[in-house]
Amino acid sequence: MNQAAPLTDAKRLPWIDTARGFAILGIFLVNLPSFHGPYFLYGSPNNYWGTEEPGIWQAILDIFFQASFYTLFSFLFGFGMQVILENLKAREVASPRKVAVRRSIFLIIFGLIHGLLIWYGDILFTYGIIALLLLLFVKSKNVTLFIWSLCLLLIPNLLFTGLLYMASLFEDIGNFANTAAIEASYQHYGNGTWKEILAQNVNDWLYSNSLLNFIFVIFNILPMFLIGMIFARKKWLHNVQEHHKTLHKIWIISFLLFLLFKAGPYLFGNPFWFSMLQDAIGGSASAIFYVLTITFLYPKLTGWFQLIGSVGKMAFTNYILQSIIGVFIFYSIGLGLYGQLSPFPTLLIGIIVFAIQIVLSHLWLQKFKRGPLEWMWRSLIYKKKLPNKREYVD
């Protein structure tokens, strides 16, 4: 049996790295309202920014970004997991599942460090847990994966949407807020010491990762893991020209669902009771639409997409870096802008930070094979110190 090792650059699909880079941008733009203030977590679900009219920027964020990019990342995670398992099997590595389990366990550990000590909105812990569930499906047939993905995505979300709709007939469910939690967030994140910020962060992490919340997150993320695995097995994104007809059909269907479920609710007031389906079906469809659009456009925009792909190759590092930057900009231990910016400058920060990450990632990858956290993670997974510095031959 051969030793396990990560994929080489020659085996990477550049349009997948680009999609991962766009996902990092989208995730940061969606996370920024949570860095900005407490309303995304504890306020009215119809307004991420406070009591004033959110305006066009929230609508843009809601339609084009909300629930689209963590689902895109979920798709790419499942896709990558399948590629890794196939690579390990091709190398005749003993127990590929053990490698996958180590991968998930270390991701959970990184997620706990990130979520408890830096920013409560961490997704790595969640991905690590769900990745362990994904291993239950690695020997399942594609049709089984597809049926499971549809059932997990549709059944709970349809049931809960029905309950929300019935509740909305008797009470306004779209305008609630936890006033005490909002005040505590302003006090600790906006004016608190490092110790107070850390305590508030732990409290918010526990709230975000309550059992009920976590179950609903599984219903949205695990289906996209499974769909990503199907795409990887079918080699649809490996051999784009060969499967162009199939991909084009999926692209059209995903676009129509994206339009219907993400933008459609605004035609009847974007009610809160519809938000579960908007995120689950609309978010999943938009994720597939985005990855296929990037794949189709890659040959025409190779230069630009390669730069964005640099961010994608260092997605782990860039994701954590965004959290550190967000904490520095908004919390009292940094610039202290918590709750002080309107939507446009808040989102503009995301664009500027991403542009800087493109430059830094490109420069880093000229000298190193992987980002620092990617190198650390893979070294732990494969139980050896991997070489990271690029070797140039004159």
Protein backbone atom coordinates (compact mmCIF):
# COMPACT_ATOMS: atom_id res chain seq x y z
CA MET A 1 0.00 0.00 0.00
CA ASN A 2 1.16 3.54 -0.80
CA GLN A 3 1.26 6.50 1.56
CA ALA A 4 -1.63 8.97 1.49
CA ALA A 5 -0.88 12.39 0.03
CA PRO A 6 -2.86 15.49 -1.01
CA LEU A 7 -3.71 16.28 -4.61
CA THR A 8 -0.98 17.85 -6.73
CA ASP A 9 -1.54 21.12 -8.61
CA ALA A 10 -1.67 19.21 -11.90
CA LYS A 11 -4.79 17.33 -10.76
CA ARG A 12 -6.70 20.41 -9.58
CA LEU A 13 -9.59 21.77 -11.63
CA PRO A 14 -8.94 25.54 -11.94
CA TRP A 15 -12.63 26.45 -12.37
CA ILE A 16 -13.37 24.68 -9.07
CA ASP A 17 -10.70 26.80 -7.35
CA THR A 18 -12.32 29.89 -8.92
CA ALA A 19 -15.76 28.84 -7.67
CA ARG A 20 -14.24 28.36 -4.21
CA GLY A 21 -12.73 31.85 -4.43
CA PHE A 22 -16.12 33.38 -5.31
CA ALA A 23 -17.64 31.42 -2.42
CA ILE A 24 -15.16 33.05 -0.03
CA LEU A 25 -16.30 36.47 -1.27
CA GLY A 26 -19.98 35.59 -0.98
CA ILE A 27 -19.62 34.12 2.49
CA PHE A 28 -17.82 37.24 3.73
CA LEU A 29 -20.49 39.57 2.30
CA VAL A 30 -23.20 37.53 4.02
CA ASN A 31 -21.20 37.41 7.28
CA LEU A 32 -20.55 41.15 7.37
CA PRO A 33 -24.00 42.04 8.79
CA SER A 34 -23.18 39.74 11.73
CA PHE A 35 -19.86 41.51 12.29
CA HIS A 36 -21.63 44.86 11.88
CA GLY A 37 -24.28 44.31 14.55
CA PRO A 38 -26.52 41.85 16.45
CA TYR A 39 -29.63 42.06 14.26
CA PHE A 40 -28.80 39.17 11.97
CA LEU A 41 -28.70 36.88 15.00
CA TYR A 42 -31.15 38.45 17.47
CA GLY A 43 -33.15 41.05 15.55
CA SER A 44 -35.94 41.10 13.04
CA PRO A 45 -35.26 38.55 10.30
CA ASN A 46 -36.46 41.11 7.74
CA ASN A 47 -33.68 43.57 8.54
CA TYR A 48 -30.00 42.70 9.12
CA TRP A 49 -28.94 46.26 9.89
CA GLY A 50 -31.22 47.63 12.61
CA THR A 51 -34.48 49.52 12.82
CA GLU A 52 -34.11 51.76 9.77
CA GLU A 53 -35.20 50.82 6.26
CA PRO A 54 -32.54 48.40 4.89
CA GLY A 55 -33.07 49.45 1.28
CA ILE A 56 -31.80 47.96 -1.94
CA TRP A 57 -28.51 46.61 -0.53
CA GLN A 58 -30.23 44.10 1.71
CA ALA A 59 -32.43 42.97 -1.19
CA ILE A 60 -29.31 42.43 -3.34
CA LEU A 61 -27.60 40.55 -0.52
CA ASP A 62 -30.71 38.48 0.09
CA ILE A 63 -31.33 37.52 -3.55
CA PHE A 64 -27.81 37.00 -4.84
CA PHE A 65 -25.77 36.04 -1.76
CA GLN A 66 -27.79 34.87 1.25
CA ALA A 67 -27.82 31.04 1.45
CA SER A 68 -26.12 30.85 -1.96
CA PHE A 69 -22.47 30.69 -1.01
CA TYR A 70 -22.35 28.46 2.04
CA THR A 71 -24.38 26.05 -0.12
CA LEU A 72 -21.87 26.57 -2.95
CA PHE A 73 -19.09 25.78 -0.50
CA SER A 74 -21.06 22.75 0.65
CA PHE A 75 -21.34 21.54 -2.94
CA LEU A 76 -17.59 22.03 -3.40
CA PHE A 77 -16.88 20.27 -0.09
CA GLY A 78 -18.82 17.18 -1.18
CA PHE A 79 -17.19 17.35 -4.62
CA GLY A 80 -13.75 17.58 -3.04
CA MET A 81 -14.42 14.75 -0.61
CA GLN A 82 -15.29 12.42 -3.48
CA VAL A 83 -12.17 13.45 -5.43
CA ILE A 84 -9.98 12.86 -2.37
CA LEU A 85 -11.45 9.42 -1.72
CA GLU A 86 -10.97 8.44 -5.37
CA ASN A 87 -7.40 9.72 -5.27
CA LEU A 88 -6.63 7.69 -2.15
CA LYS A 89 -8.20 4.58 -3.66
CA ALA A 90 -6.21 5.04 -6.89
CA ARG A 91 -3.01 5.23 -4.83
CA GLU A 92 -4.05 2.00 -3.09
CA VAL A 93 -3.92 3.74 0.27
CA ALA A 94 -5.03 1.58 3.18
CA SER A 95 -8.30 2.76 4.79
CA PRO A 96 -9.17 5.95 2.84
CA ARG A 97 -12.04 6.42 5.27
CA LYS A 98 -9.59 6.81 8.15
CA VAL A 99 -7.95 9.66 6.26
CA ALA A 100 -11.39 11.22 5.69
CA VAL A 101 -12.25 10.84 9.38
CA ARG A 102 -8.99 12.53 10.42
CA ARG A 103 -9.77 15.30 7.93
CA SER A 104 -13.15 15.86 9.57
CA ILE A 105 -11.87 15.64 13.14
CA PHE A 106 -9.15 18.24 12.59
CA LEU A 107 -11.68 20.47 10.80
CA ILE A 108 -13.92 20.22 13.87
CA ILE A 109 -10.99 21.21 16.10
CA PHE A 110 -10.11 24.18 13.90
CA GLY A 111 -13.80 25.13 13.87
CA LEU A 112 -14.02 25.09 17.66
CA ILE A 113 -10.91 27.28 17.97
CA HIS A 114 -12.28 29.69 15.37
CA GLY A 115 -15.85 29.73 16.70
CA LEU A 116 -15.06 30.07 20.40
CA LEU A 117 -11.95 32.26 20.32
CA ILE A 118 -12.38 34.44 17.21
CA TRP A 119 -15.93 34.64 15.82
CA TYR A 120 -19.11 32.78 16.73
CA GLY A 121 -20.36 32.51 13.13
CA ASP A 122 -17.91 29.72 12.28
CA ILE A 123 -18.98 27.12 9.69
CA LEU A 124 -15.94 24.80 9.89
CA PHE A 125 -17.21 22.98 12.98
CA THR A 126 -20.53 22.34 11.23
CA TYR A 127 -18.84 21.11 8.05
CA GLY A 128 -16.62 18.80 10.07
CA ILE A 129 -19.56 17.18 11.85
CA ILE A 130 -21.63 16.82 8.67
CA ALA A 131 -18.61 15.45 6.79
CA LEU A 132 -18.65 12.53 9.23
CA LEU A 133 -22.29 11.90 8.27
CA LEU A 134 -21.26 12.09 4.61
CA LEU A 135 -19.03 9.05 5.10
CA LEU A 136 -22.19 6.98 5.62
CA PHE A 137 -22.99 7.55 1.93
CA VAL A 138 -19.64 6.90 0.24
CA LYS A 139 -20.68 3.42 -0.96
CA SER A 140 -24.21 4.44 -1.94
CA LYS A 141 -25.32 4.52 -5.57
CA ASN A 142 -25.81 7.87 -7.28
CA VAL A 143 -29.58 7.46 -7.40
CA THR A 144 -29.55 6.84 -3.64
CA LEU A 145 -27.53 10.02 -3.08
CA PHE A 146 -29.95 12.00 -5.22
CA ILE A 147 -33.06 10.69 -3.46
CA TRP A 148 -31.54 11.36 -0.04
CA SER A 149 -30.54 14.89 -1.07
CA LEU A 150 -34.08 15.69 -2.28
CA CYS A 151 -35.74 14.21 0.79
CA LEU A 152 -33.43 15.97 3.25
CA LEU A 153 -33.79 19.27 1.44
CA LEU A 154 -37.52 19.29 0.71
CA ILE A 155 -39.41 17.39 3.41
CA PRO A 156 -38.32 19.29 6.57
CA ASN A 157 -38.29 22.67 4.82
CA LEU A 158 -41.76 22.18 3.34
CA LEU A 159 -43.15 21.05 6.71
CA PHE A 160 -41.60 23.95 8.60
CA THR A 161 -42.72 26.44 5.93
CA GLY A 162 -46.28 25.19 6.33
CA LEU A 163 -46.08 25.69 10.09
CA LEU A 164 -44.68 29.22 9.66
CA TYR A 165 -47.42 30.08 7.19
CA MET A 166 -50.15 28.92 9.57
CA ALA A 167 -48.54 30.90 12.40
CA SER A 168 -48.41 34.00 10.19
CA LEU A 169 -52.20 33.86 9.81
CA PHE A 170 -52.59 34.59 13.52
CA GLU A 171 -49.54 36.70 14.35
CA ASP A 172 -46.87 38.86 12.72
CA ILE A 173 -43.89 36.48 12.89
CA GLY A 174 -41.55 38.70 10.85
CA ASN A 175 -40.95 41.44 13.41
CA PHE A 176 -39.57 39.92 16.57
CA ALA A 177 -36.34 40.84 18.30
CA ASN A 178 -34.49 39.77 21.44
CA THR A 179 -33.97 43.22 22.93
CA ALA A 180 -31.89 42.03 25.88
CA ALA A 181 -29.53 40.05 23.63
CA ILE A 182 -29.17 43.03 21.27
CA GLU A 183 -28.26 45.34 24.15
CA ALA A 184 -25.76 42.83 25.53
CA SER A 185 -24.11 42.52 22.10
CA TYR A 186 -23.73 46.29 21.79
CA GLN A 187 -22.32 46.52 25.29
CA HIS A 188 -19.77 43.72 24.86
CA TYR A 189 -18.80 43.85 21.16
CA GLY A 190 -19.12 47.60 20.84
CA ASN A 191 -17.64 48.72 24.16
CA GLY A 192 -16.35 45.68 26.02
CA THR A 193 -12.97 44.39 27.03
CA TRP A 194 -11.38 41.37 25.36
CA LYS A 195 -12.71 39.15 28.16
CA GLU A 196 -16.26 40.49 27.74
CA ILE A 197 -16.09 40.06 23.96
CA LEU A 198 -14.89 36.48 24.37
CA ALA A 199 -17.71 35.67 26.82
CA GLN A 200 -20.32 37.17 24.47
CA ASN A 201 -18.79 35.28 21.55
CA VAL A 202 -19.06 31.95 23.39
CA ASN A 203 -22.66 32.73 24.32
CA ASP A 204 -23.53 33.54 20.69
CA TRP A 205 -21.76 30.40 19.44
CA LEU A 206 -23.81 28.23 21.80
CA TYR A 207 -26.99 29.99 20.68
CA SER A 208 -26.12 29.59 16.98
CA ASN A 209 -25.24 25.92 17.43
CA SER A 210 -28.24 24.89 19.49
CA LEU A 211 -29.55 21.42 18.67
CA LEU A 212 -32.58 22.69 16.73
CA ASN A 213 -30.53 25.15 14.68
CA PHE A 214 -27.93 22.49 13.96
CA ILE A 215 -30.55 20.02 12.73
CA PHE A 216 -31.90 22.55 10.24
CA VAL A 217 -28.39 23.36 9.08
CA ILE A 218 -27.83 19.65 8.38
CA PHE A 219 -30.98 19.61 6.23
CA ASN A 220 -29.50 22.39 4.06
CA ILE A 221 -25.81 21.41 3.95
CA LEU A 222 -25.81 17.61 3.74
CA PRO A 223 -27.94 17.56 0.54
CA MET A 224 -25.40 19.82 -1.19
CA PHE A 225 -22.56 17.58 0.01
CA LEU A 226 -24.35 14.67 -1.65
CA ILE A 227 -25.02 16.57 -4.89
CA GLY A 228 -21.36 17.60 -5.02
CA MET A 229 -20.38 13.94 -4.69
CA ILE A 230 -22.66 13.03 -7.61
CA PHE A 231 -21.06 15.69 -9.84
CA ALA A 232 -17.59 14.39 -8.93
CA ARG A 233 -18.54 10.77 -9.59
CA LYS A 234 -20.09 11.63 -12.95
CA LYS A 235 -16.99 13.69 -13.87
CA TRP A 236 -19.33 16.38 -15.18
CA LEU A 237 -16.96 19.16 -14.11
CA HIS A 238 -13.84 17.21 -15.02
CA ASN A 239 -14.80 16.80 -18.67
CA VAL A 240 -16.89 19.89 -19.37
CA GLN A 241 -17.01 19.63 -23.15
CA GLU A 242 -18.00 15.99 -23.06
CA HIS A 243 -20.89 16.69 -20.67
CA HIS A 244 -21.78 20.18 -21.93
CA LYS A 245 -25.31 19.19 -22.98
CA THR A 246 -26.14 17.73 -19.56
CA LEU A 247 -24.54 20.65 -17.73
CA HIS A 248 -26.42 23.16 -19.88
CA LYS A 249 -29.76 21.55 -18.97
CA ILE A 250 -28.87 21.61 -15.28
CA TRP A 251 -27.74 25.24 -15.67
CA ILE A 252 -31.12 26.28 -17.11
CA ILE A 253 -33.12 24.39 -14.45
CA SER A 254 -31.00 25.83 -11.63
CA PHE A 255 -31.39 29.35 -13.04
CA LEU A 256 -35.18 29.05 -13.18
CA LEU A 257 -35.35 27.73 -9.61
CA PHE A 258 -32.93 30.46 -8.52
CA LEU A 259 -35.14 33.13 -10.09
CA LEU A 260 -38.37 31.65 -8.77
CA PHE A 261 -37.36 31.01 -5.18
CA LYS A 262 -34.81 33.77 -4.55
CA ALA A 263 -36.27 36.75 -6.43
CA GLY A 264 -39.87 35.50 -6.72
CA PRO A 265 -40.83 36.12 -3.05
CA TYR A 266 -40.24 39.86 -3.55
CA LEU A 267 -43.26 39.88 -5.89
CA PHE A 268 -45.51 39.14 -2.88
CA GLY A 269 -43.73 41.08 -0.15
CA ASN A 270 -40.94 38.63 0.68
CA PRO A 271 -42.78 37.21 3.72
CA PHE A 272 -40.77 35.66 6.52
CA TRP A 273 -42.77 32.42 6.41
CA PHE A 274 -41.33 31.70 2.94
CA SER A 275 -37.70 32.23 3.99
CA MET A 276 -36.99 28.53 4.60
CA LEU A 277 -37.82 27.59 1.01
CA GLN A 278 -36.11 30.71 -0.27
CA ASP A 279 -32.87 29.62 1.36
CA ALA A 280 -33.16 25.85 0.94
CA ILE A 281 -34.36 25.58 -2.65
CA GLY A 282 -33.35 29.01 -3.96
CA GLY A 283 -29.98 28.94 -2.22
CA SER A 284 -29.15 25.44 -3.44
CA ALA A 285 -30.25 26.21 -7.01
CA SER A 286 -28.26 29.46 -7.09
CA ALA A 287 -25.16 27.61 -5.84
CA ILE A 288 -25.35 25.13 -8.72
CA PHE A 289 -26.09 27.95 -11.17
CA TYR A 290 -23.03 29.87 -9.96
CA VAL A 291 -20.60 26.96 -10.19
CA LEU A 292 -21.78 26.05 -13.69
CA THR A 293 -21.66 29.68 -14.85
CA ILE A 294 -18.08 29.98 -13.60
CA THR A 295 -17.19 26.70 -15.33
CA PHE A 296 -18.67 27.85 -18.66
CA LEU A 297 -17.02 31.29 -18.48
CA TYR A 298 -13.61 30.07 -17.36
CA PRO A 299 -12.09 29.69 -20.87
CA LYS A 300 -13.09 33.28 -21.74
CA LEU A 301 -11.98 34.86 -18.46
CA THR A 302 -9.04 32.65 -17.57
CA GLY A 303 -6.70 35.42 -16.45
CA TRP A 304 -9.14 37.03 -14.02
CA PHE A 305 -10.51 33.72 -12.82
CA GLN A 306 -7.01 32.40 -12.07
CA LEU A 307 -6.49 35.35 -9.72
CA ILE A 308 -9.75 34.63 -7.94
CA GLY A 309 -8.78 30.96 -7.93
CA SER A 310 -5.73 31.92 -5.86
CA VAL A 311 -8.13 32.87 -3.07
CA GLY A 312 -9.93 29.56 -3.58
CA LYS A 313 -6.73 27.55 -3.26
CA MET A 314 -6.24 29.21 0.13
CA ALA A 315 -9.92 29.17 1.11
CA PHE A 316 -9.29 27.95 4.67
CA THR A 317 -6.68 30.61 5.39
CA ASN A 318 -8.69 33.37 3.73
CA TYR A 319 -11.87 32.42 5.59
CA ILE A 320 -10.14 32.69 8.98
CA LEU A 321 -8.39 35.89 7.89
CA GLN A 322 -11.76 37.45 7.06
CA SER A 323 -12.97 36.72 10.59
CA ILE A 324 -9.90 38.34 12.12
CA ILE A 325 -10.35 41.39 9.89
CA GLY A 326 -14.07 41.58 10.70
CA VAL A 327 -13.40 41.46 14.44
CA PHE A 328 -10.70 44.15 14.11
CA ILE A 329 -12.88 46.51 12.08
CA PHE A 330 -16.10 46.26 14.08
CA TYR A 331 -15.29 45.25 17.67
CA SER A 332 -14.11 47.57 20.43
CA ILE A 333 -10.65 45.94 20.57
CA GLY A 334 -10.07 47.24 17.02
CA LEU A 335 -11.60 50.16 15.16
CA GLY A 336 -14.85 49.90 17.12
CA LEU A 337 -17.33 50.40 14.24
CA TYR A 338 -19.90 47.96 15.65
CA GLY A 339 -23.38 49.07 14.61
CA GLN A 340 -22.13 52.36 13.16
CA LEU A 341 -22.03 51.75 9.40
CA SER A 342 -24.86 51.72 6.89
CA PRO A 343 -25.25 48.74 4.50
CA PHE A 344 -23.33 50.17 1.53
CA PRO A 345 -20.00 50.94 3.28
CA THR A 346 -20.27 47.68 5.21
CA LEU A 347 -20.52 45.67 2.00
CA LEU A 348 -17.87 47.86 0.35
CA ILE A 349 -15.47 46.73 3.08
CA GLY A 350 -16.08 43.17 1.92
CA ILE A 351 -15.17 44.01 -1.68
CA ILE A 352 -12.00 45.84 -0.63
CA VAL A 353 -10.90 43.05 1.72
CA PHE A 354 -11.47 40.46 -1.01
CA ALA A 355 -9.43 42.49 -3.52
CA ILE A 356 -6.56 42.58 -1.02
CA GLN A 357 -6.90 38.83 -0.46
CA ILE A 358 -6.61 38.23 -4.21
CA VAL A 359 -3.28 40.06 -4.28
CA LEU A 360 -1.94 38.44 -1.11
CA SER A 361 -3.02 34.95 -2.18
CA HIS A 362 -1.45 35.33 -5.61
CA LEU A 363 1.85 36.51 -4.10
CA TRP A 364 1.85 33.76 -1.47
CA LEU A 365 1.23 30.98 -4.00
CA GLN A 366 4.14 32.14 -6.10
CA LYS A 367 6.43 30.98 -3.27
CA PHE A 368 4.36 28.30 -1.55
CA LYS A 369 2.20 25.38 -2.66
CA ARG A 370 -0.55 25.94 -0.10
CA GLY A 371 -1.81 28.52 2.33
CA PRO A 372 -0.45 28.30 5.89
CA LEU A 373 -3.60 26.80 7.39
CA GLU A 374 -4.08 24.47 4.43
CA TRP A 375 -0.51 23.24 4.93
CA MET A 376 -1.06 22.74 8.66
CA TRP A 377 -4.38 20.93 8.14
CA ARG A 378 -3.02 18.57 5.50
CA SER A 379 0.12 17.86 7.50
CA LEU A 380 -2.09 16.79 10.41
CA ILE A 381 -4.33 14.72 8.13
CA TYR A 382 -1.45 12.82 6.51
CA LYS A 383 0.57 12.63 9.76
CA LYS A 384 3.73 14.12 8.32
CA LYS A 385 5.23 17.53 7.70
CA LEU A 386 4.45 18.23 4.06
CA PRO A 387 6.85 20.30 1.95
CA ASN A 388 5.30 23.65 1.14
CA LYS A 389 7.93 25.88 -0.42
CA ARG A 390 8.01 25.82 -4.20
CA GLU A 391 11.23 24.63 -5.76
CA TYR A 392 12.34 26.41 -8.92
CA VAL A 393 14.74 24.91 -11.41
CA ASP A 394 16.80 27.29 -13.58
